Amino acid sequence: MLVLEKNAMTEEIEQLVAKFGKGRSSLLPILQSIQRKHNYIPDFAQQEVARLLDIHPVEVYSVISFYAFLNTKPKGRNIVRLCQTITCDLAGKKSVALAIERELGIKFGETTKDNRITLEYANCLGMCDQGPAMIINERVYPKVTPEKAVEILSEVK
């Protein structure tokens, strides 16, 4: 008789489904929980969520790809995002972006070799009156200057 063992990811997702429910409205909280724990949502997890919620895997992927804060690929432990709206452009975003890239030694869209920091642009942080704005993980920094950005990053590094 063949006995199949559940892997840790399946057990984790089963617990999340038990906590949040099997309805479609549970999809986003489940994905957020997986993201929070693993810093991304692996393909296998997407398949398991779809199976356990009885929805098509494409639906799971479409939710992940819609939200910029959900990822299908591993990212750094710290995610640094700089707002790229026109108001932040006018407030000096370009010089801040250059200072950040210089300080971290990577370009936007890349992750440091030690997997500590991923650098990304965000479409809007809702801080248009206080730009340029930056967010690191869940902490927002308004009115960022190149010098202030370097100072903030030194705390994260």
C-alpha atoms as a PDB file:
ATOM      1  CA  MET A   1       0.000   0.000   0.000  1.00  0.00           C
ATOM      2  CA  LEU A   2       1.376   3.375  -1.036  1.00  0.00           C
ATOM      3  CA  VAL A   3       1.266   6.038   1.685  1.00  0.00           C
ATOM      4  CA  LEU A   4       1.731   9.610   0.556  1.00  0.00           C
ATOM      5  CA  GLU A   5       3.081  12.065   3.067  1.00  0.00           C
ATOM      6  CA  LYS A   6       1.952  15.652   2.984  1.00  0.00           C
ATOM      7  CA  ASN A   7       4.706  18.145   2.646  1.00  0.00           C
ATOM      8  CA  ALA A   8       5.055  21.153   4.938  1.00  0.00           C
ATOM      9  CA  MET A   9       3.673  23.600   2.361  1.00  0.00           C
ATOM     10  CA  THR A  10       0.480  21.570   1.900  1.00  0.00           C
ATOM     11  CA  GLU A  11      -0.018  21.379   5.672  1.00  0.00           C
ATOM     12  CA  GLU A  12       0.590  25.112   6.004  1.00  0.00           C
ATOM     13  CA  ILE A  13      -1.981  25.922   3.314  1.00  0.00           C
ATOM     14  CA  GLU A  14      -4.505  23.511   4.831  1.00  0.00           C
ATOM     15  CA  GLN A  15      -4.147  25.393   8.125  1.00  0.00           C
ATOM     16  CA  LEU A  16      -4.665  28.703   6.340  1.00  0.00           C
ATOM     17  CA  VAL A  17      -7.794  27.382   4.614  1.00  0.00           C
ATOM     18  CA  ALA A  18      -9.091  26.191   7.984  1.00  0.00           C
ATOM     19  CA  LYS A  19      -8.409  29.639   9.428  1.00  0.00           C
ATOM     20  CA  PHE A  20      -9.768  31.783   6.564  1.00  0.00           C
ATOM     21  CA  GLY A  21     -12.328  29.448   4.978  1.00  0.00           C
ATOM     22  CA  LYS A  22     -12.803  27.813   1.585  1.00  0.00           C
ATOM     23  CA  GLY A  23     -14.605  30.722  -0.084  1.00  0.00           C
ATOM     24  CA  ARG A  24     -13.182  32.905  -2.838  1.00  0.00           C
ATOM     25  CA  SER A  25     -12.900  35.759  -0.352  1.00  0.00           C
ATOM     26  CA  SER A  26     -10.245  33.726   1.478  1.00  0.00           C
ATOM     27  CA  LEU A  27      -7.861  33.743  -1.486  1.00  0.00           C
ATOM     28  CA  LEU A  28      -6.174  37.071  -0.802  1.00  0.00           C
ATOM     29  CA  PRO A  29      -5.650  36.563   2.966  1.00  0.00           C
ATOM     30  CA  ILE A  30      -4.222  33.092   2.281  1.00  0.00           C
ATOM     31  CA  LEU A  31      -1.833  34.453  -0.352  1.00  0.00           C
ATOM     32  CA  GLN A  32      -0.794  37.318   1.934  1.00  0.00           C
ATOM     33  CA  SER A  33      -0.017  34.830   4.707  1.00  0.00           C
ATOM     34  CA  ILE A  34       2.127  32.705   2.403  1.00  0.00           C
ATOM     35  CA  GLN A  35       3.890  35.839   1.116  1.00  0.00           C
ATOM     36  CA  ARG A  36       4.554  37.070   4.645  1.00  0.00           C
ATOM     37  CA  LYS A  37       6.153  33.782   5.676  1.00  0.00           C
ATOM     38  CA  HIS A  38       8.139  32.939   2.525  1.00  0.00           C
ATOM     39  CA  ASN A  39       8.661  36.381   0.876  1.00  0.00           C
ATOM     40  CA  TYR A  40       7.030  34.978  -2.269  1.00  0.00           C
ATOM     41  CA  ILE A  41       4.382  32.486  -3.363  1.00  0.00           C
ATOM     42  CA  PRO A  42       5.973  29.396  -4.931  1.00  0.00           C
ATOM     43  CA  ASP A  43       4.341  27.630  -7.899  1.00  0.00           C
ATOM     44  CA  PHE A  44       3.549  24.614  -5.743  1.00  0.00           C
ATOM     45  CA  ALA A  45       1.764  26.823  -3.206  1.00  0.00           C
ATOM     46  CA  GLN A  46      -0.303  28.386  -5.982  1.00  0.00           C
ATOM     47  CA  GLN A  47      -1.366  24.919  -7.160  1.00  0.00           C
ATOM     48  CA  GLU A  48      -2.253  23.815  -3.630  1.00  0.00           C
ATOM     49  CA  VAL A  49      -4.265  26.954  -2.896  1.00  0.00           C
ATOM     50  CA  ALA A  50      -6.205  26.436  -6.133  1.00  0.00           C
ATOM     51  CA  ARG A  51      -6.831  22.775  -5.304  1.00  0.00           C
ATOM     52  CA  LEU A  52      -7.935  23.433  -1.722  1.00  0.00           C
ATOM     53  CA  LEU A  53     -10.194  26.374  -2.655  1.00  0.00           C
ATOM     54  CA  ASP A  54     -11.506  24.465  -5.695  1.00  0.00           C
ATOM     55  CA  ILE A  55     -10.634  27.228  -8.146  1.00  0.00           C
ATOM     56  CA  HIS A  56      -8.507  27.244 -11.291  1.00  0.00           C
ATOM     57  CA  PRO A  57      -4.761  27.895 -10.796  1.00  0.00           C
ATOM     58  CA  VAL A  58      -5.002  30.731 -13.340  1.00  0.00           C
ATOM     59  CA  GLU A  59      -7.301  32.573 -10.931  1.00  0.00           C
ATOM     60  CA  VAL A  60      -4.700  32.282  -8.175  1.00  0.00           C
ATOM     61  CA  TYR A  61      -1.937  33.513 -10.474  1.00  0.00           C
ATOM     62  CA  SER A  62      -4.067  36.399 -11.757  1.00  0.00           C
ATOM     63  CA  VAL A  63      -4.574  37.684  -8.206  1.00  0.00           C
ATOM     64  CA  ILE A  64      -0.845  37.413  -7.487  1.00  0.00           C
ATOM     65  CA  SER A  65       0.113  39.185 -10.701  1.00  0.00           C
ATOM     66  CA  PHE A  66      -2.458  41.945 -10.114  1.00  0.00           C
ATOM     67  CA  TYR A  67      -1.087  42.962  -6.715  1.00  0.00           C
ATOM     68  CA  ALA A  68       2.436  44.420  -6.792  1.00  0.00           C
ATOM     69  CA  PHE A  69       3.066  43.326  -3.205  1.00  0.00           C
ATOM     70  CA  LEU A  70       2.591  39.639  -4.007  1.00  0.00           C
ATOM     71  CA  ASN A  71       5.476  37.856  -5.720  1.00  0.00           C
ATOM     72  CA  THR A  72       5.967  34.633  -7.662  1.00  0.00           C
ATOM     73  CA  LYS A  73       9.760  34.767  -7.417  1.00  0.00           C
ATOM     74  CA  PRO A  74      11.949  34.972  -4.309  1.00  0.00           C
ATOM     75  CA  LYS A  75      12.818  38.494  -3.202  1.00  0.00           C
ATOM     76  CA  GLY A  76      15.159  39.912  -0.612  1.00  0.00           C
ATOM     77  CA  ARG A  77      14.249  39.941   3.070  1.00  0.00           C
ATOM     78  CA  ASN A  78      13.747  43.700   2.767  1.00  0.00           C
ATOM     79  CA  ILE A  79      11.847  45.232  -0.131  1.00  0.00           C
ATOM     80  CA  VAL A  80      12.725  48.853  -0.894  1.00  0.00           C
ATOM     81  CA  ARG A  81      10.173  50.561  -3.133  1.00  0.00           C
ATOM     82  CA  LEU A  82      10.370  54.085  -4.500  1.00  0.00           C
ATOM     83  CA  CYS A  83       7.240  55.786  -5.771  1.00  0.00           C
ATOM     84  CA  GLN A  84       7.372  56.491  -9.494  1.00  0.00           C
ATOM     85  CA  THR A  85       4.411  58.838  -9.933  1.00  0.00           C
ATOM     86  CA  ILE A  86       4.746  62.133 -11.772  1.00  0.00           C
ATOM     87  CA  THR A  87       4.481  64.064  -8.500  1.00  0.00           C
ATOM     88  CA  CYS A  88       7.468  62.182  -7.078  1.00  0.00           C
ATOM     89  CA  ASP A  89       9.299  62.791 -10.374  1.00  0.00           C
ATOM     90  CA  LEU A  90       8.723  66.517  -9.955  1.00  0.00           C
ATOM     91  CA  ALA A  91       9.856  66.357  -6.320  1.00  0.00           C
ATOM     92  CA  GLY A  92      13.253  64.885  -7.209  1.00  0.00           C
ATOM     93  CA  LYS A  93      12.758  61.122  -7.450  1.00  0.00           C
ATOM     94  CA  LYS A  94      15.483  60.667 -10.072  1.00  0.00           C
ATOM     95  CA  SER A  95      18.297  61.867  -7.792  1.00  0.00           C
ATOM     96  CA  VAL A  96      16.934  59.720  -4.950  1.00  0.00           C
ATOM     97  CA  ALA A  97      16.803  56.671  -7.241  1.00  0.00           C
ATOM     98  CA  LEU A  98      20.405  57.193  -8.338  1.00  0.00           C
ATOM     99  CA  ALA A  99      21.560  57.542  -4.716  1.00  0.00           C
ATOM    100  CA  ILE A 100      19.749  54.334  -3.748  1.00  0.00           C
ATOM    101  CA  GLU A 101      21.232  52.373  -6.661  1.00  0.00           C
ATOM    102  CA  ARG A 102      24.705  53.682  -5.866  1.00  0.00           C
ATOM    103  CA  GLU A 103      24.352  52.842  -2.167  1.00  0.00           C
ATOM    104  CA  LEU A 104      23.061  49.300  -2.744  1.00  0.00           C
ATOM    105  CA  GLY A 105      25.153  48.513  -5.818  1.00  0.00           C
ATOM    106  CA  ILE A 106      22.101  47.235  -7.707  1.00  0.00           C
ATOM    107  CA  LYS A 107      19.558  48.603 -10.177  1.00  0.00           C
ATOM    108  CA  PHE A 108      15.792  48.756  -9.744  1.00  0.00           C
ATOM    109  CA  GLY A 109      14.314  45.294 -10.270  1.00  0.00           C
ATOM    110  CA  GLU A 110      17.358  43.563  -8.769  1.00  0.00           C
ATOM    111  CA  THR A 111      18.202  41.912  -5.451  1.00  0.00           C
ATOM    112  CA  THR A 112      21.490  42.195  -3.595  1.00  0.00           C
ATOM    113  CA  LYS A 113      23.746  39.123  -3.804  1.00  0.00           C
ATOM    114  CA  ASP A 114      23.186  38.384  -0.106  1.00  0.00           C
ATOM    115  CA  ASN A 115      19.378  38.420  -0.663  1.00  0.00           C
ATOM    116  CA  ARG A 116      18.966  41.137   1.947  1.00  0.00           C
ATOM    117  CA  ILE A 117      17.390  43.825  -0.234  1.00  0.00           C
ATOM    118  CA  THR A 118      15.242  43.899  -3.365  1.00  0.00           C
ATOM    119  CA  LEU A 119      14.859  47.268  -5.078  1.00  0.00           C
ATOM    120  CA  GLU A 120      11.619  48.070  -6.925  1.00  0.00           C
ATOM    121  CA  TYR A 121       9.492  50.936  -8.121  1.00  0.00           C
ATOM    122  CA  ALA A 122       5.927  51.282  -6.859  1.00  0.00           C
ATOM    123  CA  ASN A 123       3.201  52.857  -8.962  1.00  0.00           C
ATOM    124  CA  CYS A 124       1.830  54.913  -6.091  1.00  0.00           C
ATOM    125  CA  LEU A 125       2.339  54.996  -2.343  1.00  0.00           C
ATOM    126  CA  GLY A 126      -0.467  57.479  -1.710  1.00  0.00           C
ATOM    127  CA  MET A 127       1.981  60.140  -0.531  1.00  0.00           C
ATOM    128  CA  CYS A 128       1.705  62.557  -3.461  1.00  0.00           C
ATOM    129  CA  ASP A 129       1.840  65.597  -1.187  1.00  0.00           C
ATOM    130  CA  GLN A 130       5.010  64.300   0.516  1.00  0.00           C
ATOM    131  CA  GLY A 131       7.142  62.996  -2.334  1.00  0.00           C
ATOM    132  CA  PRO A 132       9.439  61.545  -3.192  1.00  0.00           C
ATOM    133  CA  ALA A 133       8.139  58.700  -1.049  1.00  0.00           C
ATOM    134  CA  MET A 134       9.814  55.395  -0.269  1.00  0.00           C
ATOM    135  CA  ILE A 135       8.582  52.307   1.542  1.00  0.00           C
ATOM    136  CA  ILE A 136      10.748  49.619   3.082  1.00  0.00           C
ATOM    137  CA  ASN A 137       8.719  46.539   3.882  1.00  0.00           C
ATOM    138  CA  GLU A 138       5.743  48.213   5.575  1.00  0.00           C
ATOM    139  CA  ARG A 139       7.330  51.459   6.771  1.00  0.00           C
ATOM    140  CA  VAL A 140       6.771  54.593   4.681  1.00  0.00           C
ATOM    141  CA  TYR A 141       9.310  57.403   4.396  1.00  0.00           C
ATOM    142  CA  PRO A 142       8.028  60.759   3.074  1.00  0.00           C
ATOM    143  CA  LYS A 143       9.998  63.631   1.524  1.00  0.00           C
ATOM    144  CA  VAL A 144      13.064  61.501   0.861  1.00  0.00           C
ATOM    145  CA  THR A 145      16.234  63.248  -0.293  1.00  0.00           C
ATOM    146  CA  PRO A 146      19.271  61.412  -1.680  1.00  0.00           C
ATOM    147  CA  GLU A 147      21.049  61.913   1.660  1.00  0.00           C
ATOM    148  CA  LYS A 148      18.045  60.768   3.683  1.00  0.00           C
ATOM    149  CA  ALA A 149      17.674  57.671   1.471  1.00  0.00           C
ATOM    150  CA  VAL A 150      21.307  56.661   2.093  1.00  0.00           C
ATOM    151  CA  GLU A 151      20.848  57.211   5.838  1.00  0.00           C
ATOM    152  CA  ILE A 152      17.678  55.063   5.888  1.00  0.00           C
ATOM    153  CA  LEU A 153      19.346  52.294   3.879  1.00  0.00           C
ATOM    154  CA  SER A 154      22.313  52.192   6.259  1.00  0.00           C
ATOM    155  CA  GLU A 155      19.862  51.178   9.003  1.00  0.00           C
ATOM    156  CA  VAL A 156      18.449  48.374   6.830  1.00  0.00           C
ATOM    157  CA  LYS A 157      21.815  47.048   5.610  1.00  0.00           C
END
